[in-house]
């Protein structure tokens, strides 16, 4: 659920893990704030993934990031997600996202 009324487009990455019986378990997300753009998401091997984000300066328009892209590498340890960084925020006021169960 978005906690602000904003038409701006934002993205989050959600992490799931397959378990026996063909089911999946939700592990979490990359951030509680939306990022403006995920440029690339790849898996270099089992349990590992790399996400490249557009990186905006505070006054950049949503169309035009002026900073170098940010890459965050993450992986599954067998019990927790491990990451070497955080996703950059979208320009403007942050949009916080709260997960709710239905």
Protein backbone atom coordinates (compact mmCIF):
# COMPACT_ATOMS: atom_id res chain seq x y z
CA UNK A 1 0.00 0.00 0.00
CA UNK A 2 1.38 3.41 -0.92
CA UNK A 3 1.23 5.87 1.95
CA UNK A 4 0.96 9.00 -0.20
CA UNK A 5 -1.23 10.11 -3.09
CA UNK A 6 1.30 10.59 -5.88
CA UNK A 7 0.99 9.73 -9.56
CA UNK A 8 4.73 9.35 -9.90
CA UNK A 9 5.83 5.95 -11.14
CA UNK A 10 7.96 4.01 -8.68
CA UNK A 11 9.41 0.53 -8.45
CA UNK A 12 10.25 -2.00 -5.75
CA UNK A 13 11.89 -5.41 -6.04
CA UNK A 14 10.22 -8.24 -4.11
CA UNK A 15 12.12 -11.37 -3.06
CA UNK A 16 10.57 -14.86 -2.94
CA UNK A 17 12.05 -18.29 -2.26
CA UNK A 18 10.71 -21.58 -3.58
CA UNK A 19 10.02 -24.28 -1.00
CA UNK A 20 9.12 -27.96 -1.40
CA UNK A 21 5.62 -28.65 -2.65
CA UNK A 22 5.73 -25.99 -5.36
CA UNK A 23 5.09 -23.12 -2.94
CA UNK A 24 6.89 -19.83 -2.40
CA UNK A 25 7.76 -17.82 0.71
CA UNK A 26 7.93 -14.01 0.65
CA UNK A 27 11.34 -12.91 1.98
CA UNK A 28 11.09 -9.14 1.72
CA UNK A 29 11.79 -6.25 -0.61
CA UNK A 30 14.76 -4.14 -1.58
CA UNK A 31 13.59 -1.04 0.30
CA UNK A 32 10.65 0.53 2.08
CA UNK A 33 10.99 3.52 -0.29
CA UNK A 34 10.24 3.28 -3.99
CA UNK A 35 13.06 3.81 -6.45
CA UNK A 36 12.37 5.61 -9.72
CA UNK A 37 13.76 2.95 -12.04
CA UNK A 38 15.26 -0.53 -11.96
CA UNK A 39 17.55 -0.70 -14.98
CA UNK A 40 18.64 -4.32 -14.73
CA UNK A 41 18.09 -7.38 -12.58
CA UNK A 42 20.28 -10.45 -13.21
CA UNK A 43 21.18 -13.62 -11.37
CA UNK A 44 24.86 -14.55 -11.73
CA UNK A 45 24.18 -17.89 -10.00
CA UNK A 46 21.87 -19.76 -7.62
CA UNK A 47 20.80 -17.63 -4.64
CA UNK A 48 22.57 -14.52 -5.96
CA UNK A 49 21.30 -11.49 -7.84
CA UNK A 50 22.44 -8.05 -8.91
CA UNK A 51 20.13 -5.05 -9.29
CA UNK A 52 21.18 -1.89 -11.13
CA UNK A 53 19.19 1.25 -10.34
CA UNK A 54 18.98 4.63 -12.04
CA UNK A 55 20.46 7.25 -9.70
CA UNK A 56 18.99 10.72 -9.54
CA UNK A 57 20.38 13.94 -8.13
CA UNK A 58 17.90 15.79 -5.86
CA UNK A 59 16.75 18.17 -8.62
CA UNK A 60 16.70 15.71 -11.55
CA UNK A 61 13.48 15.24 -13.48
CA UNK A 62 12.04 11.70 -13.26
CA UNK A 63 12.95 11.17 -16.92
CA UNK A 64 16.59 12.08 -16.65
CA UNK A 65 18.97 10.70 -13.99
CA UNK A 66 22.26 12.60 -13.98
CA UNK A 67 24.25 10.37 -11.62
CA UNK A 68 25.97 7.07 -12.44
CA UNK A 69 23.78 3.97 -11.99
CA UNK A 70 24.02 2.16 -8.64
CA UNK A 71 24.50 -1.62 -8.52
CA UNK A 72 23.50 -3.58 -5.44
CA UNK A 73 24.51 -7.24 -5.12
CA UNK A 74 22.45 -9.50 -2.87
CA UNK A 75 22.11 -13.13 -2.04
CA UNK A 76 20.33 -15.74 0.04
CA UNK A 77 22.45 -17.10 2.91
CA UNK A 78 20.12 -20.01 3.57
CA UNK A 79 18.30 -18.09 6.29
CA UNK A 80 18.47 -14.34 5.50
CA UNK A 81 18.94 -11.95 2.57
CA UNK A 82 22.36 -10.32 2.50
CA UNK A 83 23.08 -7.13 0.52
CA UNK A 84 26.10 -4.91 -0.08
CA UNK A 85 24.09 -1.68 -0.36
CA UNK A 86 20.71 0.01 -0.63
CA UNK A 87 18.61 1.19 -3.55
CA UNK A 88 18.71 4.93 -4.27
CA UNK A 89 15.52 6.88 -3.63
CA UNK A 90 13.45 8.37 -6.41
CA UNK A 91 13.72 12.16 -6.84
CA UNK A 92 11.31 14.25 -4.81
CA UNK A 93 9.54 13.27 -1.62
CA UNK A 94 10.00 9.58 -0.81
CA UNK A 95 7.05 7.27 -1.25
CA UNK A 96 6.94 4.79 1.60
CA UNK A 97 5.36 1.43 1.01
CA UNK A 98 3.79 -0.68 3.73
CA UNK A 99 2.92 -4.32 3.19
CA UNK A 100 -0.43 -5.46 4.49
CA UNK A 101 -1.91 -8.94 4.61
CA UNK A 102 -5.29 -9.50 3.05
